[in-house]
Protein backbone atom coordinates (compact mmCIF):
# COMPACT_ATOMS: atom_id res chain seq x y z
CA MET A 1 107.83 113.78 90.92
CA ARG A 2 105.89 110.59 91.56
CA VAL A 3 102.73 112.32 91.41
CA LEU A 4 103.57 113.97 87.94
CA PHE A 5 104.54 110.79 86.52
CA TRP A 6 101.31 108.97 87.48
CA LEU A 7 99.32 111.71 86.18
CA ALA A 8 101.11 111.79 82.74
CA ALA A 9 100.70 107.81 82.46
CA LEU A 10 97.03 108.29 83.49
CA ALA A 11 96.62 110.91 80.65
CA VAL A 12 98.37 108.69 77.96
CA VAL A 13 96.34 105.80 78.95
CA VAL A 14 93.12 108.01 78.63
CA LEU A 15 94.00 109.22 75.22
CA LEU A 16 95.02 105.84 73.86
CA VAL A 17 91.51 104.41 75.16
CA ARG A 18 89.83 107.51 73.64
CA ALA A 19 91.50 106.95 70.28
CA ARG A 20 90.56 103.46 70.12
CA TRP A 21 87.05 104.04 70.97
CA GLN A 22 86.89 106.69 68.22
CA ARG A 23 88.51 104.35 65.64
CA TRP A 24 86.00 101.52 66.81
CA GLN A 25 83.04 103.74 66.32
CA ARG A 26 84.43 104.96 62.96
CA ARG A 27 84.72 101.42 61.75
CA ARG A 28 81.46 100.53 63.13
CA ARG A 29 79.65 103.24 61.05
CA GLY A 30 81.65 102.28 58.00
CA GLU A 31 83.49 105.59 57.69
CA PRO A 32 87.06 105.64 56.26
CA GLU A 33 90.09 106.25 58.34
CA PRO A 34 91.06 109.83 58.42
CA GLU A 35 94.49 110.62 56.91
CA GLN A 36 97.34 111.46 59.25
CA GLN A 37 98.23 114.96 59.60
CA GLY A 38 101.08 116.46 61.40
CA PRO A 39 103.56 114.59 63.17
CA ARG A 40 103.14 110.98 64.32
CA THR A 41 102.04 110.35 67.82
CA ILE A 42 105.26 108.40 68.62
CA THR A 43 107.27 111.46 67.61
CA LEU A 44 105.58 113.47 70.19
CA VAL A 45 105.99 110.64 72.81
CA VAL A 46 109.90 110.62 72.13
CA ILE A 47 110.10 114.41 72.12
CA ALA A 48 108.43 114.62 75.48
CA LEU A 49 110.39 111.92 76.99
CA LEU A 50 113.69 113.60 75.98
CA LEU A 51 112.46 116.96 77.25
CA VAL A 52 111.56 115.36 80.64
CA TYR A 53 114.92 113.46 80.99
CA GLY A 54 116.70 116.58 80.05
CA LEU A 55 115.05 118.80 82.42
CA LEU A 56 115.68 116.23 85.14
CA ILE A 57 119.31 115.99 84.36
CA GLY A 58 119.55 119.68 84.13
CA TYR A 59 117.91 120.06 87.48
CA ARG A 60 120.25 117.40 89.21
CA LEU A 61 123.24 119.24 87.72
CA PHE A 62 122.13 122.62 89.08
CA VAL A 63 121.42 121.37 92.45
CA GLY A 64 124.48 119.04 92.94
CA GLY A 65 126.85 119.61 90.32
CA TRP A 66 128.71 116.82 88.51
CA ASN A 67 129.14 114.48 91.39
CA THR A 68 125.27 113.76 91.50
CA LEU A 69 125.36 112.20 87.95
CA TYR A 70 127.78 109.29 89.12
C-alpha cells in the first residue's frame, strides 16, 4: 500500500508540474488561458480520495469485521 501511495503522490506532483509548465509557456507566448471544460481538478481529487478510503475501509471490514475499525 505504501508503494501505491508514493506512486500516486508522484503522479500528482508530475501532473501539477506539467500543468504549471504549460501555463507558463502559454503566458510567455501571449496565448489566452483556455476555458475550463469538464469537472474541476479538485472535484476529481476529492472523488479519488473518497474512493480510496472507501475501498480501504471496505477491505478492513471484509477481512476483520467490525472490531478492526475500533
